[in-house]
Amino acid sequence: MKTVNHWIGGKAVEGTSGVHGPVTDPATGARTTQVAFASAGEVDAAVAAAKAAFATWGTSSLATRTSVLFAYRALLDRHREEIARLITAEHGKVHADALGEVARGLEIVELACGITTQLKGELSTQVSSRVDVAAIRQPLGVVAGITPFNFPAMVPLWMFPLAIACGNTFVLKPSEKDPSAALLLAELATEAGLPDGVLNVVNGDKTAVDRILEHPDIAAVSFVGSTPIARHIHTTATANGKRVQALGGAKNHMLVLPDADLDAAADAAVSAAYGSAGERCMAISAVVAVGDTGDKLVAKIRERAEKIRIGPGDDPASEMGPLITKAHRDKVASYVHGAAAQGAEVVLDGTGFTVEGYENGHWIGLSLLDKVPTDADAYRDEIFGPVLCVLRAETYEEGVALINASPWGNGTAVFTRDGGAARRFQLEVQAGMVGVNVPIPVPVGYHSFGGWKDSLFGDHHIYGNDGVHFYTRGKVVTTRWPDPEDGGVDLGFPSHR
């Protein structure tokens, strides 16, 4: 059986804890791989390697860093098919979706290649007689990332390329459910010329995470995952003096106004709700139909959902694959099973779905719930599966109030032909990312990704300008070159004259 080990100091390191976790093929349910779980001591070894590497990498030239990143970008491009196959084999998403994940990760590598512009400082000359003031940004040191199972390549690529471009060194703890892609990313970084110890990967569970959160040599932690864990990461890491960006869960709403193109809205709802089997933090999981649009919209969504082809991710005919684990599959199904008793109308029930020849896979079909009460579990919880809830609102104002009452504020969208209504929505809705006739408004790499409320803990969004600021700290330098005749003691408060 294949074993995924750690990557420390530029080489693969076998686990010594003796503890391993299973990695399964979601399409078959078969255990294909085992992953070594790091002990606290192995995390310490990775941090020590990163700390030693920072002594030279942190003061390396921007030209040195960017030359490595350009080479890395080229290697990732050449290996994108291989990375996508690893994602499909361990996560289950279809190959085209896996390729899309790699492409969005490459956007941030490209942003990191342009770090010379991002790190330009500021200079004010002659702020006082012969006095200049400069503002610069410098790296933090050793930083860490803890990433989720649903994007095993993209989310790590949202973190470490920008961090190392800024001069930091990095310790990555990927999801133990699908760790192979992260290990390949590290191997390719070394092949691109990244010095040993600049990027390290430790696999594991809570033991590894807790050590990262408390380690005195880690200056900052970036996290993407569920809201309860994001809150724990933020609370624990900040208590240990670390800078934290912790992106949590979501319940993303799509507001459909009466003037919207309902065919376009239905296409968008199906694509955004059921893509990657709903295992996306930016998935649309709640559609709010305004006025008399509800019945017509639900019929159109159902018509499209019933045609989606579900099967193994490596089958080109498949449009949606299985869920990551059997336990998660059962949890998602429980929301559909309990929906009618809590007042929802079950339009589509996908819980009995299976694929011939793959009966042990983690399969579930598409479910559609209509007229869902706001106190139903299917609406209140982040399901993270292919279950779409439809709610009804009489007016635009009622729909926006419903969205803003949610504890989450990750992404949201409005579908309308009315520019005035769209402008109102983008200003009034309480969410960090807004789409206008765009169901999944994930920003391009040179803007920043992040939510509001319980979808983000910390002050910085991920990547973009926020990412650069998160991985650096500011310093202001005031300089004076006095004339030889200047001198004398002056106890007065310095003034800029």
Protein backbone atom coordinates (compact mmCIF):
# COMPACT_ATOMS: atom_id res chain seq x y z
CA MET A 1 0.00 0.00 0.00
CA LYS A 2 1.23 3.47 -0.87
CA THR A 3 2.37 5.54 2.13
CA VAL A 4 2.37 9.35 2.13
CA ASN A 5 5.09 10.65 4.42
CA HIS A 6 6.29 14.12 5.39
CA TRP A 7 8.46 16.58 3.46
CA ILE A 8 11.01 18.21 5.74
CA GLY A 9 14.19 20.03 4.79
CA GLY A 10 13.80 19.35 1.08
CA LYS A 11 13.30 15.58 1.24
CA ALA A 12 10.72 12.93 2.05
CA VAL A 13 10.86 11.88 5.70
CA GLU A 14 9.23 8.71 6.94
CA GLY A 15 6.89 9.09 9.89
CA THR A 16 8.22 7.87 13.21
CA SER A 17 5.08 8.17 15.33
CA GLY A 18 3.82 4.78 14.16
CA VAL A 19 0.36 6.26 13.60
CA HIS A 20 -1.18 6.23 10.14
CA GLY A 21 -4.53 7.30 8.75
CA PRO A 22 -6.46 5.72 5.88
CA VAL A 23 -6.91 7.38 2.50
CA THR A 24 -9.72 5.93 0.40
CA ASP A 25 -10.84 6.13 -3.19
CA PRO A 26 -14.29 7.73 -2.76
CA ALA A 27 -15.59 6.07 -5.93
CA THR A 28 -14.90 2.54 -4.70
CA GLY A 29 -14.65 2.94 -0.95
CA ALA A 30 -11.37 1.01 -1.05
CA ARG A 31 -8.42 2.03 1.08
CA THR A 32 -5.65 2.82 -1.41
CA THR A 33 -3.12 4.75 0.67
CA GLN A 34 -2.02 5.35 4.21
CA VAL A 35 -0.71 8.68 5.48
CA ALA A 36 1.78 9.07 8.31
CA PHE A 37 0.53 11.18 11.19
CA ALA A 38 3.15 13.51 12.63
CA SER A 39 4.03 13.60 16.29
CA ALA A 40 4.71 16.91 18.01
CA GLY A 41 8.40 16.15 17.61
CA GLU A 42 8.07 15.79 13.86
CA VAL A 43 6.29 19.15 13.68
CA ASP A 44 9.18 20.59 15.70
CA ALA A 45 11.63 19.16 13.14
CA ALA A 46 9.75 20.83 10.28
CA VAL A 47 9.68 24.16 12.12
CA ALA A 48 13.40 23.87 12.90
CA ALA A 49 14.14 23.27 9.20
CA ALA A 50 12.02 26.28 8.27
CA LYS A 51 13.68 28.47 10.90
CA ALA A 52 17.15 27.52 9.68
CA ALA A 53 16.15 28.23 6.06
CA PHE A 54 14.71 31.63 6.96
CA ALA A 55 18.15 32.88 7.97
CA THR A 56 19.10 33.03 4.28
CA TRP A 57 15.77 32.95 2.43
CA GLY A 58 14.39 35.91 4.41
CA THR A 59 17.25 38.11 3.20
CA SER A 60 17.47 36.71 -0.33
CA SER A 61 16.95 39.06 -3.23
CA LEU A 62 13.59 39.49 -4.87
CA ALA A 63 15.20 38.37 -8.10
CA THR A 64 16.21 35.08 -6.48
CA ARG A 65 12.73 34.45 -5.12
CA THR A 66 10.91 35.30 -8.32
CA SER A 67 13.24 33.20 -10.48
CA VAL A 68 12.32 30.16 -8.37
CA LEU A 69 8.63 31.00 -8.54
CA PHE A 70 8.68 31.40 -12.33
CA ALA A 71 10.33 27.99 -12.60
CA TYR A 72 7.76 26.59 -10.18
CA ARG A 73 4.89 27.98 -12.20
CA ALA A 74 6.25 26.29 -15.32
CA LEU A 75 6.59 22.94 -13.51
CA LEU A 76 3.05 23.13 -12.14
CA ASP A 77 1.77 23.83 -15.63
CA ARG A 78 3.57 20.77 -17.00
CA HIS A 79 2.31 18.56 -14.18
CA ARG A 80 -1.27 19.85 -13.96
CA GLU A 81 -2.70 16.58 -15.33
CA GLU A 82 -0.79 14.54 -12.75
CA ILE A 83 -1.90 16.82 -9.91
CA ALA A 84 -5.51 16.61 -11.10
CA ARG A 85 -5.38 12.81 -11.21
CA LEU A 86 -4.19 12.70 -7.60
CA ILE A 87 -7.03 15.01 -6.58
CA THR A 88 -9.62 12.86 -8.32
CA ALA A 89 -8.22 9.64 -6.88
CA GLU A 90 -8.37 10.86 -3.26
CA HIS A 91 -11.09 13.52 -3.24
CA GLY A 92 -13.40 12.09 -5.88
CA LYS A 93 -14.17 15.24 -7.88
CA VAL A 94 -14.35 14.84 -11.63
CA HIS A 95 -11.16 15.38 -13.61
CA ALA A 96 -12.30 18.60 -15.27
CA ASP A 97 -13.13 20.08 -11.87
CA ALA A 98 -9.72 18.99 -10.54
CA LEU A 99 -8.02 20.69 -13.48
CA GLY A 100 -9.98 23.86 -12.70
CA GLU A 101 -8.73 23.71 -9.13
CA VAL A 102 -5.12 23.56 -10.32
CA ALA A 103 -5.72 26.48 -12.67
CA ARG A 104 -7.07 28.68 -9.87
CA GLY A 105 -4.10 27.78 -7.72
CA LEU A 106 -1.77 28.77 -10.54
CA GLU A 107 -3.29 32.27 -10.45
CA ILE A 108 -1.76 32.83 -7.02
CA VAL A 109 1.62 31.47 -8.12
CA GLU A 110 1.49 34.02 -10.94
CA LEU A 111 0.64 36.73 -8.40
CA ALA A 112 3.64 35.63 -6.33
CA CYS A 113 5.86 35.88 -9.42
CA GLY A 114 5.04 39.59 -9.44
CA ILE A 115 5.91 40.13 -5.78
CA THR A 116 8.44 42.80 -6.75
CA THR A 117 5.53 45.16 -7.39
CA GLN A 118 3.57 44.03 -4.32
CA LEU A 119 6.50 44.73 -1.99
CA LYS A 120 7.32 48.19 -3.28
CA GLY A 121 7.58 50.51 -0.31
CA GLU A 122 6.82 54.21 0.11
CA LEU A 123 9.17 57.16 0.39
CA SER A 124 8.49 60.72 1.47
CA THR A 125 11.41 63.09 1.04
CA GLN A 126 12.07 66.32 2.88
CA VAL A 127 9.35 65.76 5.51
CA SER A 128 11.50 68.04 7.63
CA SER A 129 14.75 69.78 6.90
CA ARG A 130 16.99 67.09 5.35
CA VAL A 131 14.72 64.30 6.74
CA ASP A 132 13.24 61.48 4.67
CA VAL A 133 10.73 58.81 5.78
CA ALA A 134 10.44 55.39 4.16
CA ALA A 135 7.85 52.64 4.78
CA ILE A 136 8.91 49.06 4.00
CA ARG A 137 7.47 45.61 4.54
CA GLN A 138 9.47 42.64 5.82
CA PRO A 139 8.73 38.92 6.23
CA LEU A 140 7.49 37.46 9.52
CA GLY A 141 9.67 34.34 9.66
CA VAL A 142 8.22 30.84 9.88
CA VAL A 143 4.52 30.72 8.98
CA ALA A 144 2.11 27.80 8.72
CA GLY A 145 -0.95 26.74 6.77
CA ILE A 146 -3.67 24.24 7.68
CA THR A 147 -5.75 23.32 4.65
CA PRO A 148 -9.01 21.43 3.97
CA PHE A 149 -9.85 18.30 1.99
CA ASN A 150 -12.09 19.93 -0.59
CA PHE A 151 -9.29 21.74 -2.45
CA PRO A 152 -6.13 19.75 -1.71
CA ALA A 153 -4.02 21.67 -4.27
CA MET A 154 -5.70 25.06 -4.70
CA VAL A 155 -5.89 26.16 -1.07
CA PRO A 156 -2.23 25.31 -0.30
CA LEU A 157 -1.35 27.27 -3.45
CA TRP A 158 -3.38 30.17 -2.07
CA MET A 159 -0.97 30.27 0.87
CA PHE A 160 2.62 29.19 0.53
CA PRO A 161 3.67 30.74 -2.83
CA LEU A 162 2.76 34.22 -1.61
CA ALA A 163 4.27 33.58 1.82
CA ILE A 164 7.61 32.44 0.45
CA ALA A 165 7.63 35.19 -2.18
CA CYS A 166 7.46 37.64 0.73
CA GLY A 167 10.54 35.98 2.25
CA ASN A 168 8.92 33.68 4.81
CA THR A 169 9.44 29.96 5.20
CA PHE A 170 6.45 27.65 5.44
CA VAL A 171 5.08 24.59 7.24
CA LEU A 172 2.00 23.09 5.57
CA LYS A 173 -0.42 20.69 7.29
CA PRO A 174 -2.74 19.41 4.52
CA SER A 175 -5.89 17.39 5.05
CA GLU A 176 -5.20 13.82 6.05
CA LYS A 177 -8.08 12.70 3.80
CA ASP A 178 -6.31 13.54 0.50
CA PRO A 179 -2.65 14.39 1.17
CA SER A 180 -0.89 13.28 -2.01
CA ALA A 181 -1.39 16.46 -4.03
CA ALA A 182 0.25 18.61 -1.34
CA LEU A 183 3.28 16.34 -1.23
CA LEU A 184 3.68 16.58 -5.00
CA LEU A 185 3.45 20.39 -4.78
CA ALA A 186 6.37 20.36 -2.33
CA GLU A 187 8.44 17.98 -4.48
CA LEU A 188 7.95 20.23 -7.51
CA ALA A 189 8.95 23.31 -5.51
CA THR A 190 12.26 21.66 -4.66
CA GLU A 191 12.72 20.69 -8.31
CA ALA A 192 12.13 24.35 -9.22
CA GLY A 193 15.09 25.35 -7.05
CA LEU A 194 13.43 26.28 -3.76
CA PRO A 195 16.10 25.88 -1.06
CA ASP A 196 15.73 23.05 1.43
CA GLY A 197 13.57 23.91 4.41
CA VAL A 198 11.72 26.84 2.83
CA LEU A 199 8.62 24.66 2.28
CA ASN A 200 7.84 21.74 4.58
CA VAL A 201 4.83 19.42 4.75
CA VAL A 202 3.72 17.54 7.86
CA ASN A 203 0.69 15.27 7.70
CA GLY A 204 -1.48 14.39 10.64
CA ASP A 205 -4.43 15.12 12.83
CA LYS A 206 -5.13 17.17 15.95
CA THR A 207 -1.71 16.41 17.43
CA ALA A 208 0.04 18.14 14.53
CA VAL A 209 -2.45 21.03 14.47
CA ASP A 210 -2.17 21.71 18.18
CA ARG A 211 1.62 21.78 18.01
CA ILE A 212 1.49 24.27 15.13
CA LEU A 213 -0.87 26.51 17.10
CA GLU A 214 1.36 26.59 20.17
CA HIS A 215 4.85 26.46 18.63
CA PRO A 216 6.81 29.56 19.70
CA ASP A 217 8.75 29.80 16.42
CA ILE A 218 5.66 30.02 14.18
CA ALA A 219 4.69 33.65 13.65
CA ALA A 220 1.43 33.26 11.73
CA VAL A 221 -1.17 30.63 10.86
CA SER A 222 -3.49 30.56 7.85
CA PHE A 223 -6.47 28.19 7.91
CA VAL A 224 -9.42 27.22 5.72
CA GLY A 225 -12.13 24.91 7.06
CA SER A 226 -15.33 24.78 9.07
CA THR A 227 -16.47 27.60 11.33
CA PRO A 228 -16.07 25.75 14.67
CA ILE A 229 -12.49 24.79 13.82
CA ALA A 230 -11.73 28.25 12.42
CA ARG A 231 -12.90 29.78 15.70
CA HIS A 232 -10.70 27.34 17.66
CA ILE A 233 -7.68 28.04 15.43
CA HIS A 234 -8.12 31.80 15.84
CA THR A 235 -8.63 31.68 19.60
CA THR A 236 -5.77 29.29 20.29
CA ALA A 237 -3.20 30.74 17.91
CA THR A 238 -3.80 34.35 18.92
CA ALA A 239 -3.53 33.34 22.57
CA ASN A 240 -0.08 32.07 21.64
CA GLY A 241 0.87 35.40 20.09
CA LYS A 242 0.39 34.51 16.44
CA ARG A 243 -1.12 36.41 13.56
CA VAL A 244 -4.12 34.45 12.23
CA GLN A 245 -6.36 34.36 9.18
CA ALA A 246 -8.95 31.62 9.67
CA LEU A 247 -11.57 31.19 6.96
CA GLY A 248 -14.64 29.34 8.18
CA GLY A 249 -17.83 27.86 6.80
CA ALA A 250 -20.65 29.27 4.74
CA LYS A 251 -24.30 29.20 3.77
CA ASN A 252 -24.15 31.03 0.47
CA HIS A 253 -27.42 32.53 -0.76
CA MET A 254 -28.53 33.34 -4.28
CA LEU A 255 -31.29 35.96 -4.47
CA VAL A 256 -33.43 35.62 -7.60
CA LEU A 257 -35.55 38.68 -8.35
CA PRO A 258 -38.76 38.57 -10.44
CA ASP A 259 -37.12 40.21 -13.46
CA ALA A 260 -34.26 37.68 -13.63
CA ASP A 261 -33.66 35.36 -16.57
CA LEU A 262 -34.95 32.20 -14.87
CA ASP A 263 -33.23 29.85 -17.29
CA ALA A 264 -29.89 31.49 -16.55
CA ALA A 265 -30.67 31.48 -12.84
CA ALA A 266 -31.57 27.78 -12.89
CA ASP A 267 -28.41 26.92 -14.80
CA ALA A 268 -26.36 28.88 -12.26
CA ALA A 269 -28.11 27.35 -9.26
CA VAL A 270 -27.52 23.79 -10.45
CA SER A 271 -23.90 24.48 -11.38
CA ALA A 272 -23.09 26.27 -8.14
CA ALA A 273 -25.01 23.97 -5.80
CA TYR A 274 -24.00 20.59 -7.17
CA GLY A 275 -20.53 21.18 -8.63
CA SER A 276 -17.88 19.13 -6.81
CA ALA A 277 -20.82 17.38 -5.07
CA GLY A 278 -21.45 20.56 -3.09
CA GLU A 279 -18.14 20.22 -1.24
CA ARG A 280 -17.17 23.86 -1.77
CA CYS A 281 -17.18 26.70 0.73
CA MET A 282 -18.47 28.89 -2.11
CA ALA A 283 -21.25 26.51 -3.18
CA ILE A 284 -24.72 28.02 -3.45
CA SER A 285 -26.71 26.09 -0.86
CA ALA A 286 -29.72 28.41 -0.48
CA VAL A 287 -31.74 30.04 -3.25
CA VAL A 288 -34.08 32.83 -2.19
CA ALA A 289 -36.87 33.17 -4.75
CA VAL A 290 -38.58 36.56 -4.63
CA GLY A 291 -42.22 37.18 -5.53
CA ASP A 292 -43.83 34.71 -7.90
CA THR A 293 -40.57 33.22 -9.20
CA GLY A 294 -40.46 30.24 -6.80
CA ASP A 295 -42.56 27.59 -8.50
CA LYS A 296 -41.18 28.28 -11.98
CA LEU A 297 -37.59 28.40 -10.75
CA VAL A 298 -37.87 25.16 -8.75
CA ALA A 299 -39.31 23.37 -11.79
CA LYS A 300 -36.41 24.53 -13.95
CA ILE A 301 -33.84 23.54 -11.32
CA ARG A 302 -35.40 20.10 -10.98
CA GLU A 303 -35.44 19.59 -14.75
CA ARG A 304 -31.71 20.30 -14.95
CA ALA A 305 -30.72 18.44 -11.77
CA GLU A 306 -32.36 15.22 -12.97
CA LYS A 307 -30.06 15.19 -16.00
CA ILE A 308 -26.75 15.46 -14.13
CA ARG A 309 -24.56 12.42 -14.70
CA ILE A 310 -22.99 11.06 -11.52
CA GLY A 311 -20.08 8.63 -11.60
CA PRO A 312 -16.38 8.07 -10.93
CA GLY A 313 -14.30 11.18 -11.29
CA ASP A 314 -11.97 9.59 -13.82
CA ASP A 315 -14.88 8.82 -16.18
CA PRO A 316 -15.10 11.65 -18.76
CA ALA A 317 -18.88 11.22 -18.86
CA SER A 318 -19.26 12.04 -15.15
CA GLU A 319 -20.35 15.54 -14.18
CA MET A 320 -20.38 14.91 -10.41
CA GLY A 321 -18.43 12.44 -8.33
CA PRO A 322 -18.86 10.89 -4.86
CA LEU A 323 -18.44 12.48 -1.44
CA ILE A 324 -15.12 12.31 0.38
CA THR A 325 -16.03 9.65 3.00
CA LYS A 326 -18.88 7.33 3.86
CA ALA A 327 -19.37 9.11 7.21
CA HIS A 328 -19.79 12.44 5.42
CA ARG A 329 -22.15 10.85 2.91
CA ASP A 330 -24.35 9.57 5.74
CA LYS A 331 -24.35 12.96 7.46
CA VAL A 332 -25.42 14.75 4.27
CA ALA A 333 -28.20 12.20 3.72
CA SER A 334 -29.52 12.80 7.23
CA TYR A 335 -30.45 16.39 6.34
CA VAL A 336 -32.61 15.18 3.46
CA HIS A 337 -34.20 12.42 5.53
CA GLY A 338 -35.24 14.89 8.22
CA ALA A 339 -36.31 17.73 5.95
CA ALA A 340 -40.02 16.91 5.52
CA ALA A 341 -40.58 16.53 9.24
CA GLN A 342 -39.15 20.02 9.72
CA GLY A 343 -41.49 21.61 7.21
CA ALA A 344 -39.63 21.44 3.90
CA GLU A 345 -40.96 19.99 0.67
CA VAL A 346 -38.62 17.30 -0.71
CA VAL A 347 -38.63 17.83 -4.47
CA LEU A 348 -35.66 15.54 -5.18
CA ASP A 349 -34.24 12.93 -2.82
CA GLY A 350 -30.83 11.69 -3.92
CA THR A 351 -29.98 9.68 -0.83
CA GLY A 352 -30.66 6.27 -2.38
CA PHE A 353 -28.39 6.80 -5.34
CA THR A 354 -25.64 4.32 -6.25
CA VAL A 355 -23.45 3.56 -9.27
CA GLU A 356 -23.47 0.10 -10.80
CA GLY A 357 -20.12 -1.59 -10.31
CA TYR A 358 -19.14 0.92 -7.63
CA GLU A 359 -21.66 0.01 -4.96
CA ASN A 360 -19.19 0.60 -2.10
CA GLY A 361 -18.43 4.16 -3.18
CA HIS A 362 -19.53 7.19 -1.19
CA TRP A 363 -22.43 8.00 -3.50
CA ILE A 364 -25.30 10.37 -3.09
CA GLY A 365 -27.54 11.92 -5.69
CA LEU A 366 -28.77 15.47 -6.04
CA SER A 367 -31.38 16.64 -3.52
CA LEU A 368 -33.64 19.66 -3.85
CA LEU A 369 -35.67 21.00 -0.93
CA ASP A 370 -38.34 23.68 -1.46
CA LYS A 371 -40.13 26.06 0.92
CA VAL A 372 -37.49 25.39 3.57
CA PRO A 373 -38.20 27.06 6.94
CA THR A 374 -35.35 29.13 8.34
CA ASP A 375 -35.33 27.02 11.53
CA ALA A 376 -34.89 23.72 9.66
CA ASP A 377 -31.55 21.96 10.13
CA ALA A 378 -31.04 21.80 6.36
CA TYR A 379 -31.03 25.60 6.30
CA ARG A 380 -29.32 26.35 9.60
CA ASP A 381 -26.31 24.06 9.09
CA GLU A 382 -23.56 24.00 6.51
CA ILE A 383 -24.34 20.67 4.81
CA PHE A 384 -21.32 20.59 2.45
CA GLY A 385 -23.01 18.25 0.03
CA PRO A 386 -25.32 18.26 -3.02
CA VAL A 387 -28.41 19.55 -1.22
CA LEU A 388 -30.00 22.78 -2.41
CA CYS A 389 -32.54 24.61 -0.25
CA VAL A 390 -35.07 27.00 -1.81
CA LEU A 391 -36.66 29.66 0.38
CA ARG A 392 -39.37 32.13 -0.54
CA ALA A 393 -39.51 35.89 0.02
CA GLU A 394 -42.24 38.32 -0.98
CA THR A 395 -39.97 41.31 -1.61
CA TYR A 396 -36.36 42.27 -2.28
CA GLU A 397 -36.14 43.75 1.22
CA GLU A 398 -37.38 40.53 2.82
CA GLY A 399 -34.88 38.50 0.83
CA VAL A 400 -31.92 40.66 1.81
CA ALA A 401 -33.00 40.63 5.45
CA LEU A 402 -33.15 36.83 5.33
CA ILE A 403 -29.62 36.64 3.91
CA ASN A 404 -28.24 39.15 6.40
CA ALA A 405 -29.76 37.23 9.32
CA SER A 406 -27.50 34.27 8.54
CA PRO A 407 -24.50 33.92 10.87
CA TRP A 408 -22.31 33.36 7.80
CA GLY A 409 -21.26 35.91 5.23
CA ASN A 410 -18.89 34.20 2.83
CA GLY A 411 -20.30 34.61 -0.67
CA THR A 412 -23.67 35.60 -2.11
CA ALA A 413 -25.21 36.42 -5.48
CA VAL A 414 -28.15 38.26 -6.98
CA PHE A 415 -29.79 37.44 -10.31
CA THR A 416 -31.56 40.37 -11.90
CA ARG A 417 -31.71 42.58 -14.99
CA ASP A 418 -32.17 45.69 -12.83
CA GLY A 419 -28.92 47.60 -12.39
CA GLY A 420 -30.34 49.66 -9.54
CA ALA A 421 -31.38 46.57 -7.61
CA ALA A 422 -27.98 44.98 -8.22
CA ARG A 423 -26.22 48.09 -6.94
CA ARG A 424 -28.39 48.15 -3.82
CA PHE A 425 -27.68 44.49 -3.21
CA GLN A 426 -23.92 44.75 -3.41
CA LEU A 427 -23.95 47.59 -0.89
CA GLU A 428 -26.60 46.24 1.48
CA VAL A 429 -25.81 42.53 1.69
CA GLN A 430 -23.54 41.42 4.53
CA ALA A 431 -21.03 39.15 2.81
CA GLY A 432 -17.41 39.41 1.80
CA MET A 433 -17.83 38.31 -1.83
CA VAL A 434 -20.78 39.30 -4.01
CA GLY A 435 -21.79 38.14 -7.47
CA VAL A 436 -24.15 39.95 -9.81
CA ASN A 437 -25.47 37.25 -12.14
CA VAL A 438 -22.36 35.30 -11.09
CA PRO A 439 -23.23 32.41 -8.74
CA ILE A 440 -19.73 31.66 -7.37
CA PRO A 441 -17.96 35.02 -7.04
CA VAL A 442 -14.46 33.72 -6.23
CA PRO A 443 -12.18 36.71 -6.87
CA VAL A 444 -9.28 36.55 -9.29
CA GLY A 445 -5.85 36.20 -7.71
CA TYR A 446 -4.99 39.90 -7.57
CA HIS A 447 -8.06 40.60 -5.44
CA SER A 448 -8.60 39.01 -2.04
CA PHE A 449 -10.82 36.10 -0.96
CA GLY A 450 -12.67 36.19 2.36
CA GLY A 451 -16.01 36.43 4.08
CA TRP A 452 -17.70 38.34 6.88
CA LYS A 453 -19.18 37.29 10.21
CA ASP A 454 -18.63 33.61 11.09
CA SER A 455 -16.97 32.98 7.74
CA LEU A 456 -13.74 34.73 8.73
CA PHE A 457 -11.79 35.05 11.97
CA GLY A 458 -8.97 37.55 11.76
CA ASP A 459 -8.38 40.85 10.01
CA HIS A 460 -6.99 39.71 6.67
CA HIS A 461 -8.55 37.96 3.71
CA ILE A 462 -6.49 35.40 1.82
CA TYR A 463 -4.25 36.16 -1.22
CA GLY A 464 -4.28 39.47 -3.11
CA ASN A 465 -3.13 42.58 -1.26
CA ASP A 466 -4.50 41.21 2.01
CA GLY A 467 -2.33 38.13 1.60
CA VAL A 468 0.81 40.20 1.11
CA HIS A 469 -0.01 42.27 4.20
CA PHE A 470 -0.74 39.15 6.24
CA TYR A 471 2.65 37.61 5.45
CA THR A 472 4.64 40.81 6.07
CA ARG A 473 4.88 43.51 8.71
CA GLY A 474 5.48 47.18 8.25
CA LYS A 475 8.47 49.19 9.29
CA VAL A 476 8.94 52.95 9.02
CA VAL A 477 12.46 54.37 8.74
CA THR A 478 13.17 58.06 9.38
CA THR A 479 16.54 59.26 8.04
CA ARG A 480 18.47 62.49 8.48
CA TRP A 481 21.86 63.37 7.07
CA PRO A 482 22.79 66.55 8.94
CA ASP A 483 25.22 69.18 7.78
CA PRO A 484 28.53 69.28 9.66
CA GLU A 485 27.57 72.51 11.44
CA ASP A 486 24.36 70.98 12.85
CA GLY A 487 24.49 69.96 16.49
CA GLY A 488 23.47 70.77 20.02
CA VAL A 489 21.13 69.21 22.52
CA ASP A 490 17.39 69.79 22.06
CA LEU A 491 15.02 68.22 24.59
CA GLY A 492 11.90 69.46 22.81
CA PHE A 493 9.51 67.06 21.12
CA PRO A 494 10.64 66.50 17.49
CA SER A 495 8.67 68.61 15.02
CA HIS A 496 8.55 68.33 11.26
CA ARG A 497 9.94 71.73 10.43
